[in-house]
Amino acid sequence: RASFIGKMLPIRLVHIPRFRSTRPVWMYHELSQLYGNSLPNLELSTFTDIPAFRASKPQWLLEMNPNGKVPTMAHGSLVMFEGGAICSYLLDKYDVDRQLLPKNDESMALYYQMVSWCASTLDNLIATSSPISAVLGKDAPRPMDDLVTNKKYFDEIFVPFFHKQLATSGGPYLCGTQFTAADVILGFFVMQSRDKMVPTW
């Protein structure tokens, strides 16, 4: 593990507040609380004018990520996109004492499951842009537009799963008494969906 922050390359992340790039920002800060100066600096390139960002993606971002979306990360010569993948990279590289990673195989399996479920399904229930907007632009169909179906999935599939997981984990967290990376991954979706889904719990 590096001893001096000055010797480490910064982690550069393209970010929009409250978008999916919030996950790796959150994960970084959880790791920073645990490991302090063992982590390199996090440098954010933050966009706040969403319509302008969507209307004209910076060429440098498109060269890093053909989707032109956040999060996109550069760490030295390494370039990555997709929030779950970036979170897993940060954990593999910096959670050397497994303080944030779940401690057993069953809980690690849950972490991987949450990463995939959020990327493939859950996040698209509350998405504000289409995953194919890079080729269809503003005319691309948006998953969020089907509010009735999305709400039905949320209420009938997600909410029962979430309640059951918390009830059987030994709580109060997804993997039991320890706050883990799985809580960061799913926690972002839960926080965002409270504004958009008006859940029935």
N, C-alpha and C. Protein backbone atom coordinates (compact mmCIF):
# COMPACT_ATOMS: atom_id res chain seq x y z
N ARG A 1 0.85 -1.19 0.00
CA ARG A 1 0.00 0.00 0.00
C ARG A 1 0.89 1.24 0.00
N ALA A 2 0.54 2.21 -0.80
CA ALA A 2 1.33 3.43 -0.85
C ALA A 2 1.26 4.18 0.47
N SER A 3 2.37 4.79 0.85
CA SER A 3 2.45 5.46 2.15
C SER A 3 2.19 6.96 2.08
N PHE A 4 2.43 7.55 0.93
CA PHE A 4 2.33 9.00 0.85
C PHE A 4 1.42 9.37 -0.32
N ILE A 5 0.41 10.19 -0.01
CA ILE A 5 -0.57 10.54 -1.03
C ILE A 5 0.06 11.27 -2.19
N GLY A 6 1.13 12.00 -1.95
CA GLY A 6 1.79 12.73 -3.02
C GLY A 6 2.39 11.83 -4.08
N LYS A 7 2.62 10.56 -3.77
CA LYS A 7 3.21 9.64 -4.72
C LYS A 7 2.15 8.93 -5.56
N MET A 8 0.87 9.15 -5.27
CA MET A 8 -0.18 8.41 -5.93
C MET A 8 -0.89 9.27 -6.97
N LEU A 9 -1.23 8.66 -8.08
CA LEU A 9 -1.97 9.35 -9.11
C LEU A 9 -3.40 9.59 -8.63
N PRO A 10 -3.95 10.75 -8.90
CA PRO A 10 -5.33 11.00 -8.47
C PRO A 10 -6.32 10.14 -9.25
N ILE A 11 -7.44 9.90 -8.64
CA ILE A 11 -8.57 9.27 -9.31
C ILE A 11 -9.43 10.40 -9.87
N ARG A 12 -9.62 10.41 -11.17
CA ARG A 12 -10.42 11.45 -11.81
C ARG A 12 -11.76 10.85 -12.24
N LEU A 13 -12.84 11.51 -11.82
CA LEU A 13 -14.18 10.96 -12.06
C LEU A 13 -15.08 12.03 -12.66
N VAL A 14 -15.74 11.69 -13.75
CA VAL A 14 -16.75 12.57 -14.34
C VAL A 14 -18.06 12.32 -13.60
N HIS A 15 -18.67 13.40 -13.13
CA HIS A 15 -19.74 13.27 -12.12
C HIS A 15 -20.86 14.26 -12.39
N ILE A 16 -22.09 13.80 -12.16
CA ILE A 16 -23.26 14.67 -12.07
C ILE A 16 -23.92 14.37 -10.73
N PRO A 17 -24.08 15.35 -9.87
CA PRO A 17 -24.68 15.10 -8.55
C PRO A 17 -26.04 14.41 -8.65
N ARG A 18 -26.20 13.39 -7.81
CA ARG A 18 -27.43 12.60 -7.70
C ARG A 18 -27.65 11.68 -8.90
N PHE A 19 -26.70 11.61 -9.83
CA PHE A 19 -26.75 10.62 -10.89
C PHE A 19 -25.95 9.40 -10.44
N ARG A 20 -25.83 8.40 -11.32
CA ARG A 20 -25.21 7.13 -10.92
C ARG A 20 -23.74 7.27 -10.54
N SER A 21 -23.12 8.35 -10.95
CA SER A 21 -21.74 8.60 -10.52
C SER A 21 -21.63 8.84 -9.03
N THR A 22 -22.79 9.06 -8.38
CA THR A 22 -22.79 9.23 -6.91
C THR A 22 -22.30 7.97 -6.22
N ARG A 23 -22.55 6.81 -6.80
CA ARG A 23 -22.11 5.56 -6.16
C ARG A 23 -20.60 5.51 -5.95
N PRO A 24 -19.79 5.65 -7.00
CA PRO A 24 -18.34 5.61 -6.75
C PRO A 24 -17.84 6.76 -5.89
N VAL A 25 -18.50 7.93 -5.94
CA VAL A 25 -18.11 9.01 -5.04
C VAL A 25 -18.35 8.58 -3.60
N TRP A 26 -19.52 8.01 -3.34
CA TRP A 26 -19.87 7.53 -2.00
C TRP A 26 -18.90 6.43 -1.57
N MET A 27 -18.63 5.48 -2.47
CA MET A 27 -17.72 4.38 -2.12
C MET A 27 -16.33 4.91 -1.79
N TYR A 28 -15.88 5.87 -2.57
CA TYR A 28 -14.56 6.47 -2.29
C TYR A 28 -14.54 7.08 -0.89
N HIS A 29 -15.58 7.82 -0.53
CA HIS A 29 -15.58 8.48 0.77
C HIS A 29 -15.69 7.48 1.92
N GLU A 30 -16.41 6.38 1.71
CA GLU A 30 -16.43 5.33 2.73
C GLU A 30 -15.03 4.75 2.92
N LEU A 31 -14.33 4.48 1.83
CA LEU A 31 -12.96 3.97 1.91
C LEU A 31 -12.03 5.00 2.55
N SER A 32 -12.24 6.27 2.22
CA SER A 32 -11.41 7.32 2.78
C SER A 32 -11.56 7.41 4.29
N GLN A 33 -12.79 7.20 4.78
CA GLN A 33 -13.01 7.20 6.22
C GLN A 33 -12.24 6.06 6.90
N LEU A 34 -12.10 4.96 6.20
CA LEU A 34 -11.44 3.78 6.77
C LEU A 34 -9.91 3.83 6.63
N TYR A 35 -9.43 4.36 5.51
CA TYR A 35 -8.01 4.24 5.19
C TYR A 35 -7.27 5.57 5.11
N GLY A 36 -7.99 6.68 5.21
CA GLY A 36 -7.35 7.99 5.26
C GLY A 36 -6.45 8.27 4.08
N ASN A 37 -5.21 8.68 4.35
CA ASN A 37 -4.28 9.09 3.31
C ASN A 37 -3.70 7.94 2.50
N SER A 38 -4.14 6.73 2.76
CA SER A 38 -3.72 5.61 1.92
C SER A 38 -4.38 5.67 0.55
N LEU A 39 -5.43 6.48 0.44
CA LEU A 39 -6.11 6.64 -0.84
C LEU A 39 -5.57 7.87 -1.57
N PRO A 40 -5.52 7.80 -2.89
CA PRO A 40 -5.17 9.00 -3.66
C PRO A 40 -6.32 10.01 -3.61
N ASN A 41 -6.03 11.22 -4.04
CA ASN A 41 -7.08 12.23 -4.12
C ASN A 41 -8.13 11.84 -5.15
N LEU A 42 -9.37 12.25 -4.87
CA LEU A 42 -10.45 12.12 -5.84
C LEU A 42 -10.68 13.49 -6.46
N GLU A 43 -10.54 13.57 -7.77
CA GLU A 43 -10.75 14.83 -8.49
C GLU A 43 -11.98 14.67 -9.37
N LEU A 44 -12.99 15.51 -9.14
CA LEU A 44 -14.25 15.42 -9.86
C LEU A 44 -14.32 16.44 -10.98
N SER A 45 -14.76 15.99 -12.14
CA SER A 45 -15.19 16.88 -13.21
C SER A 45 -16.71 16.87 -13.18
N THR A 46 -17.29 17.91 -12.59
CA THR A 46 -18.71 17.90 -12.27
C THR A 46 -19.50 18.74 -13.27
N PHE A 47 -20.59 18.16 -13.76
CA PHE A 47 -21.51 18.86 -14.64
C PHE A 47 -22.82 19.10 -13.89
N THR A 48 -23.35 20.30 -13.98
CA THR A 48 -24.61 20.62 -13.29
C THR A 48 -25.71 21.06 -14.24
N ASP A 49 -25.35 21.51 -15.44
CA ASP A 49 -26.34 21.90 -16.44
C ASP A 49 -26.67 20.66 -17.27
N ILE A 50 -27.67 19.90 -16.84
CA ILE A 50 -27.95 18.61 -17.46
C ILE A 50 -28.39 18.74 -18.92
N PRO A 51 -29.33 19.64 -19.26
CA PRO A 51 -29.71 19.77 -20.68
C PRO A 51 -28.54 20.10 -21.58
N ALA A 52 -27.67 21.00 -21.13
CA ALA A 52 -26.51 21.36 -21.94
C ALA A 52 -25.56 20.19 -22.08
N PHE A 53 -25.37 19.43 -21.01
CA PHE A 53 -24.50 18.26 -21.05
C PHE A 53 -25.01 17.24 -22.05
N ARG A 54 -26.33 17.01 -22.04
CA ARG A 54 -26.91 16.02 -22.95
C ARG A 54 -26.93 16.50 -24.39
N ALA A 55 -27.04 17.79 -24.58
CA ALA A 55 -27.11 18.32 -25.94
C ALA A 55 -25.76 18.32 -26.62
N SER A 56 -24.69 18.45 -25.84
CA SER A 56 -23.36 18.55 -26.44
C SER A 56 -22.34 17.90 -25.51
N LYS A 57 -22.12 16.60 -25.70
CA LYS A 57 -21.17 15.88 -24.87
C LYS A 57 -19.75 16.31 -25.23
N PRO A 58 -18.91 16.56 -24.23
CA PRO A 58 -17.51 16.92 -24.53
C PRO A 58 -16.80 15.81 -25.31
N GLN A 59 -16.01 16.19 -26.28
CA GLN A 59 -15.30 15.20 -27.08
C GLN A 59 -14.36 14.36 -26.23
N TRP A 60 -13.73 15.00 -25.23
CA TRP A 60 -12.80 14.25 -24.38
C TRP A 60 -13.53 13.16 -23.60
N LEU A 61 -14.81 13.40 -23.24
CA LEU A 61 -15.57 12.38 -22.53
C LEU A 61 -15.93 11.24 -23.48
N LEU A 62 -16.35 11.57 -24.70
CA LEU A 62 -16.70 10.53 -25.68
C LEU A 62 -15.50 9.65 -26.01
N GLU A 63 -14.31 10.23 -25.96
CA GLU A 63 -13.11 9.43 -26.20
C GLU A 63 -12.83 8.47 -25.05
N MET A 64 -13.27 8.82 -23.86
CA MET A 64 -13.10 7.95 -22.71
C MET A 64 -14.23 6.93 -22.60
N ASN A 65 -15.42 7.35 -22.96
CA ASN A 65 -16.62 6.53 -22.79
C ASN A 65 -17.52 6.77 -23.99
N PRO A 66 -17.65 5.80 -24.89
CA PRO A 66 -18.44 6.01 -26.11
C PRO A 66 -19.91 6.30 -25.83
N ASN A 67 -20.38 5.97 -24.61
CA ASN A 67 -21.76 6.27 -24.25
C ASN A 67 -21.95 7.74 -23.86
N GLY A 68 -20.85 8.41 -23.53
CA GLY A 68 -20.93 9.80 -23.13
C GLY A 68 -21.69 10.01 -21.84
N LYS A 69 -21.60 9.06 -20.93
CA LYS A 69 -22.37 9.11 -19.69
C LYS A 69 -21.46 9.15 -18.47
N VAL A 70 -22.07 9.44 -17.32
CA VAL A 70 -21.39 9.34 -16.04
C VAL A 70 -21.89 8.08 -15.34
N PRO A 71 -21.00 7.48 -14.52
CA PRO A 71 -19.63 7.88 -14.23
C PRO A 71 -18.64 7.37 -15.27
N THR A 72 -17.60 8.15 -15.45
CA THR A 72 -16.43 7.73 -16.22
C THR A 72 -15.21 8.07 -15.38
N MET A 73 -14.30 7.13 -15.25
CA MET A 73 -13.15 7.30 -14.36
C MET A 73 -11.85 7.13 -15.12
N ALA A 74 -10.87 7.94 -14.76
CA ALA A 74 -9.50 7.75 -15.23
C ALA A 74 -8.58 7.68 -14.02
N HIS A 75 -7.76 6.66 -13.98
CA HIS A 75 -6.78 6.51 -12.91
C HIS A 75 -5.46 6.15 -13.57
N GLY A 76 -4.62 7.18 -13.76
CA GLY A 76 -3.43 6.97 -14.56
C GLY A 76 -3.84 6.66 -15.99
N SER A 77 -3.32 5.59 -16.56
CA SER A 77 -3.66 5.20 -17.93
C SER A 77 -4.94 4.37 -18.00
N LEU A 78 -5.47 3.98 -16.85
CA LEU A 78 -6.68 3.17 -16.81
C LEU A 78 -7.91 4.04 -16.96
N VAL A 79 -8.79 3.66 -17.86
CA VAL A 79 -10.06 4.37 -18.06
C VAL A 79 -11.19 3.36 -17.91
N MET A 80 -12.20 3.73 -17.13
CA MET A 80 -13.34 2.83 -16.89
C MET A 80 -14.64 3.62 -16.92
N PHE A 81 -15.71 2.93 -17.29
CA PHE A 81 -17.05 3.46 -17.06
C PHE A 81 -17.91 2.35 -16.50
N GLU A 82 -19.12 2.71 -16.07
CA GLU A 82 -20.07 1.88 -15.32
C GLU A 82 -19.76 1.93 -13.82
N GLY A 83 -20.74 2.44 -13.06
CA GLY A 83 -20.53 2.69 -11.64
C GLY A 83 -20.19 1.47 -10.82
N GLY A 84 -20.88 0.35 -11.07
CA GLY A 84 -20.59 -0.86 -10.30
C GLY A 84 -19.19 -1.37 -10.54
N ALA A 85 -18.73 -1.28 -11.79
CA ALA A 85 -17.36 -1.71 -12.10
C ALA A 85 -16.34 -0.81 -11.43
N ILE A 86 -16.60 0.51 -11.44
CA ILE A 86 -15.68 1.45 -10.80
C ILE A 86 -15.64 1.20 -9.29
N CYS A 87 -16.81 0.99 -8.68
CA CYS A 87 -16.84 0.69 -7.25
C CYS A 87 -16.04 -0.56 -6.93
N SER A 88 -16.20 -1.60 -7.75
CA SER A 88 -15.48 -2.85 -7.51
C SER A 88 -13.97 -2.64 -7.67
N TYR A 89 -13.57 -1.83 -8.63
CA TYR A 89 -12.14 -1.51 -8.80
C TYR A 89 -11.60 -0.83 -7.55
N LEU A 90 -12.33 0.16 -7.04
CA LEU A 90 -11.88 0.87 -5.84
C LEU A 90 -11.75 -0.09 -4.66
N LEU A 91 -12.70 -0.98 -4.52
CA LEU A 91 -12.67 -1.93 -3.41
C LEU A 91 -11.50 -2.90 -3.55
N ASP A 92 -11.32 -3.45 -4.75
CA ASP A 92 -10.23 -4.40 -4.97
C ASP A 92 -8.87 -3.75 -4.70
N LYS A 93 -8.75 -2.49 -5.05
CA LYS A 93 -7.45 -1.83 -4.96
C LYS A 93 -7.16 -1.27 -3.58
N TYR A 94 -8.20 -0.78 -2.88
CA TYR A 94 -7.95 -0.02 -1.66
C TYR A 94 -8.53 -0.61 -0.38
N ASP A 95 -9.48 -1.52 -0.48
CA ASP A 95 -10.02 -2.12 0.74
C ASP A 95 -9.18 -3.34 1.12
N VAL A 96 -7.92 -3.08 1.43
CA VAL A 96 -6.95 -4.15 1.62
C VAL A 96 -7.22 -4.98 2.87
N ASP A 97 -7.90 -4.42 3.84
CA ASP A 97 -8.22 -5.15 5.07
C ASP A 97 -9.65 -5.66 5.09
N ARG A 98 -10.33 -5.53 3.94
CA ARG A 98 -11.73 -5.99 3.81
C ARG A 98 -12.61 -5.41 4.92
N GLN A 99 -12.50 -4.14 5.13
CA GLN A 99 -13.36 -3.49 6.11
C GLN A 99 -14.70 -3.10 5.51
N LEU A 100 -14.74 -2.90 4.20
CA LEU A 100 -15.98 -2.52 3.54
C LEU A 100 -16.56 -3.65 2.70
N LEU A 101 -15.71 -4.49 2.17
CA LEU A 101 -16.18 -5.67 1.45
C LEU A 101 -16.83 -6.64 2.44
N PRO A 102 -17.90 -7.32 2.02
CA PRO A 102 -18.49 -8.33 2.91
C PRO A 102 -17.47 -9.39 3.30
N LYS A 103 -17.72 -10.01 4.45
CA LYS A 103 -16.71 -10.88 5.04
C LYS A 103 -16.81 -12.34 4.62
N ASN A 104 -17.94 -12.79 4.07
CA ASN A 104 -18.08 -14.21 3.73
C ASN A 104 -18.59 -14.36 2.30
N ASP A 105 -18.55 -15.60 1.81
CA ASP A 105 -18.90 -15.86 0.42
C ASP A 105 -20.35 -15.50 0.11
N GLU A 106 -21.24 -15.82 1.03
CA GLU A 106 -22.66 -15.54 0.79
C GLU A 106 -22.91 -14.03 0.66
N SER A 107 -22.27 -13.26 1.51
CA SER A 107 -22.45 -11.82 1.45
C SER A 107 -21.76 -11.22 0.24
N MET A 108 -20.60 -11.77 -0.15
CA MET A 108 -19.96 -11.30 -1.37
C MET A 108 -20.83 -11.59 -2.58
N ALA A 109 -21.49 -12.74 -2.58
CA ALA A 109 -22.39 -13.06 -3.67
C ALA A 109 -23.53 -12.04 -3.75
N LEU A 110 -24.02 -11.62 -2.59
CA LEU A 110 -25.06 -10.60 -2.56
C LEU A 110 -24.54 -9.28 -3.12
N TYR A 111 -23.30 -8.91 -2.79
CA TYR A 111 -22.71 -7.70 -3.35
C TYR A 111 -22.69 -7.76 -4.87
N TYR A 112 -22.18 -8.86 -5.43
CA TYR A 112 -22.12 -8.98 -6.88
C TYR A 112 -23.52 -8.96 -7.49
N GLN A 113 -24.45 -9.58 -6.81
CA GLN A 113 -25.83 -9.58 -7.29
C GLN A 113 -26.40 -8.17 -7.33
N MET A 114 -26.13 -7.37 -6.29
CA MET A 114 -26.65 -6.01 -6.26
C MET A 114 -26.03 -5.16 -7.37
N VAL A 115 -24.73 -5.34 -7.61
CA VAL A 115 -24.07 -4.60 -8.69
C VAL A 115 -24.76 -4.89 -10.02
N SER A 116 -25.01 -6.17 -10.29
CA SER A 116 -25.62 -6.55 -11.57
C SER A 116 -27.09 -6.16 -11.65
N TRP A 117 -27.83 -6.34 -10.56
CA TRP A 117 -29.26 -6.02 -10.57
C TRP A 117 -29.48 -4.53 -10.77
N CYS A 118 -28.69 -3.73 -10.08
CA CYS A 118 -28.83 -2.27 -10.25
C CYS A 118 -28.51 -1.86 -11.68
N ALA A 119 -27.43 -2.38 -12.24
CA ALA A 119 -27.02 -1.99 -13.58
C ALA A 119 -28.01 -2.46 -14.64
N SER A 120 -28.53 -3.66 -14.47
CA SER A 120 -29.37 -4.25 -15.53
C SER A 120 -30.83 -3.85 -15.42
N THR A 121 -31.33 -3.61 -14.20
CA THR A 121 -32.77 -3.46 -14.02
C THR A 121 -33.15 -2.27 -13.15
N LEU A 122 -32.70 -2.25 -11.90
CA LEU A 122 -33.23 -1.29 -10.94
C LEU A 122 -32.98 0.15 -11.36
N ASP A 123 -31.76 0.48 -11.74
CA ASP A 123 -31.47 1.87 -12.09
C ASP A 123 -32.31 2.33 -13.27
N ASN A 124 -32.67 1.41 -14.17
CA ASN A 124 -33.46 1.80 -15.33
C ASN A 124 -34.91 2.13 -14.96
N LEU A 125 -35.34 1.74 -13.76
CA LEU A 125 -36.68 2.12 -13.32
C LEU A 125 -36.78 3.61 -13.05
N ILE A 126 -35.66 4.23 -12.73
CA ILE A 126 -35.67 5.65 -12.35
C ILE A 126 -34.75 6.47 -13.25
N ALA A 127 -34.32 5.89 -14.37
CA ALA A 127 -33.40 6.58 -15.26
C ALA A 127 -34.06 7.80 -15.88
N THR A 128 -33.28 8.83 -16.11
CA THR A 128 -33.78 10.03 -16.78
C THR A 128 -33.26 10.15 -18.21
N SER A 129 -32.48 9.17 -18.65
CA SER A 129 -32.05 9.13 -20.04
C SER A 129 -32.00 7.68 -20.49
N SER A 130 -32.03 7.49 -21.79
CA SER A 130 -32.05 6.15 -22.34
C SER A 130 -30.65 5.58 -22.47
N PRO A 131 -30.50 4.26 -22.26
CA PRO A 131 -29.17 3.66 -22.47
C PRO A 131 -28.74 3.69 -23.92
N ILE A 132 -29.66 3.98 -24.84
CA ILE A 132 -29.30 4.06 -26.26
C ILE A 132 -29.33 5.49 -26.78
N SER A 133 -29.28 6.46 -25.86
CA SER A 133 -29.32 7.86 -26.27
C SER A 133 -28.10 8.26 -27.09
N ALA A 134 -27.00 7.51 -26.95
CA ALA A 134 -25.80 7.85 -27.71
C ALA A 134 -26.03 7.74 -29.21
N VAL A 135 -27.01 6.91 -29.64
CA VAL A 135 -27.27 6.75 -31.07
C VAL A 135 -28.60 7.37 -31.50
N LEU A 136 -29.54 7.53 -30.56
CA LEU A 136 -30.84 8.10 -30.92
C LEU A 136 -31.07 9.50 -30.38
N GLY A 137 -30.16 9.98 -29.54
CA GLY A 137 -30.29 11.34 -29.02
C GLY A 137 -31.52 11.52 -28.17
N LYS A 138 -32.10 12.72 -28.22
CA LYS A 138 -33.24 13.06 -27.36
C LYS A 138 -34.50 12.28 -27.71
N ASP A 139 -34.53 11.64 -28.88
CA ASP A 139 -35.70 10.87 -29.28
C ASP A 139 -35.67 9.44 -28.77
N ALA A 140 -34.61 9.06 -28.09
CA ALA A 140 -34.51 7.70 -27.57
C ALA A 140 -35.56 7.46 -26.49
N PRO A 141 -36.23 6.29 -26.51
CA PRO A 141 -37.21 5.99 -25.45
C PRO A 141 -36.51 5.90 -24.10
N ARG A 142 -37.16 6.44 -23.08
CA ARG A 142 -36.58 6.45 -21.75
C ARG A 142 -37.29 5.42 -20.87
N PRO A 143 -36.53 4.57 -20.16
CA PRO A 143 -37.18 3.59 -19.28
C PRO A 143 -38.11 4.24 -18.27
N MET A 144 -37.77 5.43 -17.81
CA MET A 144 -38.56 6.08 -16.78
C MET A 144 -39.94 6.50 -17.28
N ASP A 145 -40.12 6.58 -18.61
CA ASP A 145 -41.39 7.04 -19.15
C ASP A 145 -42.54 6.09 -18.85
N ASP A 146 -42.23 4.81 -18.65
CA ASP A 146 -43.28 3.83 -18.36
C ASP A 146 -43.50 3.77 -16.85
N LEU A 147 -44.08 4.82 -16.30
CA LEU A 147 -44.18 4.96 -14.85
C LEU A 147 -45.02 3.86 -14.21
N VAL A 148 -46.09 3.49 -14.84
CA VAL A 148 -47.01 2.51 -14.25
C VAL A 148 -46.33 1.16 -14.12
N THR A 149 -45.70 0.71 -15.21
CA THR A 149 -45.02 -0.59 -15.18
C THR A 149 -43.84 -0.57 -14.21
N ASN A 150 -43.07 0.50 -14.24
CA ASN A 150 -41.91 0.61 -13.35
C ASN A 150 -42.32 0.59 -11.89
N LYS A 151 -43.39 1.31 -11.58
CA LYS A 151 -43.89 1.33 -10.20
C LYS A 151 -44.38 -0.05 -9.78
N LYS A 152 -45.03 -0.77 -10.69
CA LYS A 152 -45.51 -2.11 -10.39
C LYS A 152 -44.35 -3.04 -10.06
N TYR A 153 -43.28 -2.98 -10.87
CA TYR A 153 -42.10 -3.80 -10.59
C TYR A 153 -41.50 -3.41 -9.24
N PHE A 154 -41.41 -2.12 -9.00
CA PHE A 154 -40.83 -1.64 -7.75
C PHE A 154 -41.60 -2.17 -6.55
N ASP A 155 -42.92 -2.04 -6.59
CA ASP A 155 -43.76 -2.43 -5.45
C ASP A 155 -43.85 -3.95 -5.28
N GLU A 156 -43.93 -4.67 -6.39
CA GLU A 156 -44.21 -6.11 -6.31
C GLU A 156 -42.96 -6.98 -6.30
N ILE A 157 -41.85 -6.47 -6.81
CA ILE A 157 -40.61 -7.26 -6.85
C ILE A 157 -39.56 -6.69 -5.89
N PHE A 158 -39.23 -5.42 -6.05
CA PHE A 158 -38.13 -4.87 -5.26
C PHE A 158 -38.46 -4.73 -3.78
N VAL A 159 -39.58 -4.10 -3.47
CA VAL A 159 -39.89 -3.82 -2.05
C VAL A 159 -39.97 -5.11 -1.23
N PRO A 160 -40.68 -6.17 -1.69
CA PRO A 160 -40.67 -7.42 -0.90
C PRO A 160 -39.27 -8.01 -0.74
N PHE A 161 -38.46 -7.97 -1.81
CA PHE A 161 -37.08 -8.47 -1.68
C PHE A 161 -36.33 -7.69 -0.63
N PHE A 162 -36.43 -6.37 -0.68
CA PHE A 162 -35.68 -5.50 0.23
C PHE A 162 -36.08 -5.77 1.68
N HIS A 163 -37.39 -5.84 1.92
CA HIS A 163 -37.86 -6.13 3.28
C HIS A 163 -37.37 -7.49 3.77
N LYS A 164 -37.46 -8.49 2.90
CA LYS A 164 -37.05 -9.84 3.30
C LYS A 164 -35.56 -9.90 3.59
N GLN A 165 -34.75 -9.24 2.76
CA GLN A 165 -33.31 -9.27 2.96
C GLN A 165 -32.94 -8.63 4.30
N LEU A 166 -33.55 -7.50 4.60
CA LEU A 166 -33.25 -6.84 5.88
C LEU A 166 -33.75 -7.68 7.06
N ALA A 167 -34.90 -8.33 6.88
CA ALA A 167 -35.48 -9.11 7.97
C ALA A 167 -34.67 -10.37 8.27
N THR A 168 -34.00 -10.93 7.26
CA THR A 168 -33.30 -12.21 7.44
C THR A 168 -31.79 -12.06 7.57
N SER A 169 -31.28 -10.85 7.39
CA SER A 169 -29.82 -10.67 7.39
C SER A 169 -29.23 -10.64 8.80
N GLY A 170 -30.08 -10.46 9.80
CA GLY A 170 -29.57 -10.24 11.16
C GLY A 170 -29.35 -8.77 11.40
N GLY A 171 -29.62 -7.97 10.43
CA GLY A 171 -29.68 -6.53 10.31
C GLY A 171 -28.77 -5.72 11.22
N PRO A 172 -28.83 -4.41 11.02
CA PRO A 172 -29.80 -3.64 10.24
C PRO A 172 -29.40 -3.42 8.79
N TYR A 173 -28.32 -4.06 8.32
CA TYR A 173 -27.83 -3.83 6.96
C TYR A 173 -28.09 -5.04 6.09
N LEU A 174 -27.82 -4.90 4.79
CA LEU A 174 -28.10 -5.98 3.85
C LEU A 174 -27.38 -7.27 4.21
N CYS A 175 -26.14 -7.14 4.70
CA CYS A 175 -25.34 -8.32 5.03
C CYS A 175 -25.25 -8.56 6.53
N GLY A 176 -26.13 -7.96 7.29
CA GLY A 176 -26.11 -8.20 8.73
C GLY A 176 -25.79 -6.97 9.54
N THR A 177 -24.94 -7.14 10.54
CA THR A 177 -24.64 -6.04 11.46
C THR A 177 -23.58 -5.10 10.93
N GLN A 178 -22.88 -5.49 9.86
CA GLN A 178 -21.81 -4.66 9.30
C GLN A 178 -22.31 -3.90 8.09
N PHE A 179 -22.08 -2.57 8.07
CA PHE A 179 -22.31 -1.78 6.87
C PHE A 179 -21.27 -2.18 5.84
N THR A 180 -21.69 -2.54 4.63
CA THR A 180 -20.77 -3.02 3.62
C THR A 180 -20.97 -2.28 2.30
N ALA A 181 -20.13 -2.63 1.34
CA ALA A 181 -20.22 -2.07 0.01
C ALA A 181 -21.57 -2.37 -0.64
N ALA A 182 -22.20 -3.48 -0.26
CA ALA A 182 -23.51 -3.80 -0.81
C ALA A 182 -24.54 -2.73 -0.45
N ASP A 183 -24.40 -2.15 0.74
CA ASP A 183 -25.32 -1.09 1.17
C ASP A 183 -25.11 0.19 0.35
N VAL A 184 -23.89 0.44 -0.07
CA VAL A 184 -23.63 1.60 -0.92
C VAL A 184 -24.29 1.39 -2.29
N ILE A 185 -24.08 0.20 -2.86
CA ILE A 185 -24.61 -0.08 -4.19
C ILE A 185 -26.13 0.03 -4.21
N LEU A 186 -26.81 -0.66 -3.30
CA LEU A 186 -28.26 -0.62 -3.30
C LEU A 186 -28.79 0.65 -2.65
N GLY A 187 -28.02 1.20 -1.72
CA GLY A 187 -28.48 2.38 -1.00
C GLY A 187 -28.73 3.56 -1.91
N PHE A 188 -27.89 3.73 -2.94
CA PHE A 188 -28.11 4.84 -3.88
C PHE A 188 -29.45 4.69 -4.58
N PHE A 189 -29.76 3.48 -5.02
CA PHE A 189 -31.06 3.26 -5.68
C PHE A 189 -32.21 3.54 -4.73
N VAL A 190 -32.10 3.09 -3.50
CA VAL A 190 -33.17 3.31 -2.53
C VAL A 190 -33.38 4.81 -2.31
N MET A 191 -32.31 5.55 -2.14
CA MET A 191 -32.45 6.99 -1.90
C MET A 191 -33.08 7.69 -3.10
N GLN A 192 -32.65 7.33 -4.30
CA GLN A 192 -33.20 7.97 -5.49
C GLN A 192 -34.66 7.56 -5.73
N SER A 193 -34.97 6.31 -5.47
CA SER A 193 -36.33 5.84 -5.75
C SER A 193 -37.35 6.42 -4.77
N ARG A 194 -36.90 6.83 -3.61
CA ARG A 194 -37.84 7.44 -2.66
C ARG A 194 -38.44 8.72 -3.22
N ASP A 195 -37.68 9.43 -4.01
CA ASP A 195 -38.19 10.65 -4.63
C ASP A 195 -39.08 10.37 -5.82
N LYS A 196 -38.81 9.25 -6.52
CA LYS A 196 -39.46 9.03 -7.82
C LYS A 196 -40.55 7.97 -7.80
N MET A 197 -40.46 7.02 -6.87
CA MET A 197 -41.40 5.91 -6.86
C MET A 197 -42.48 6.03 -5.79
N VAL A 198 -42.27 6.90 -4.82
CA VAL A 198 -43.17 7.03 -3.67
C VAL A 198 -43.49 5.64 -3.14
N PRO A 199 -42.48 4.95 -2.61
CA PRO A 199 -42.66 3.55 -2.22
C PRO A 199 -43.69 3.39 -1.11
N THR A 200 -44.21 2.20 -1.04
CA THR A 200 -45.31 1.92 -0.13
C THR A 200 -44.85 1.36 1.20
N TRP A 201 -43.53 1.32 1.46
CA TRP A 201 -43.11 0.77 2.74
C TRP A 201 -43.41 1.74 3.87
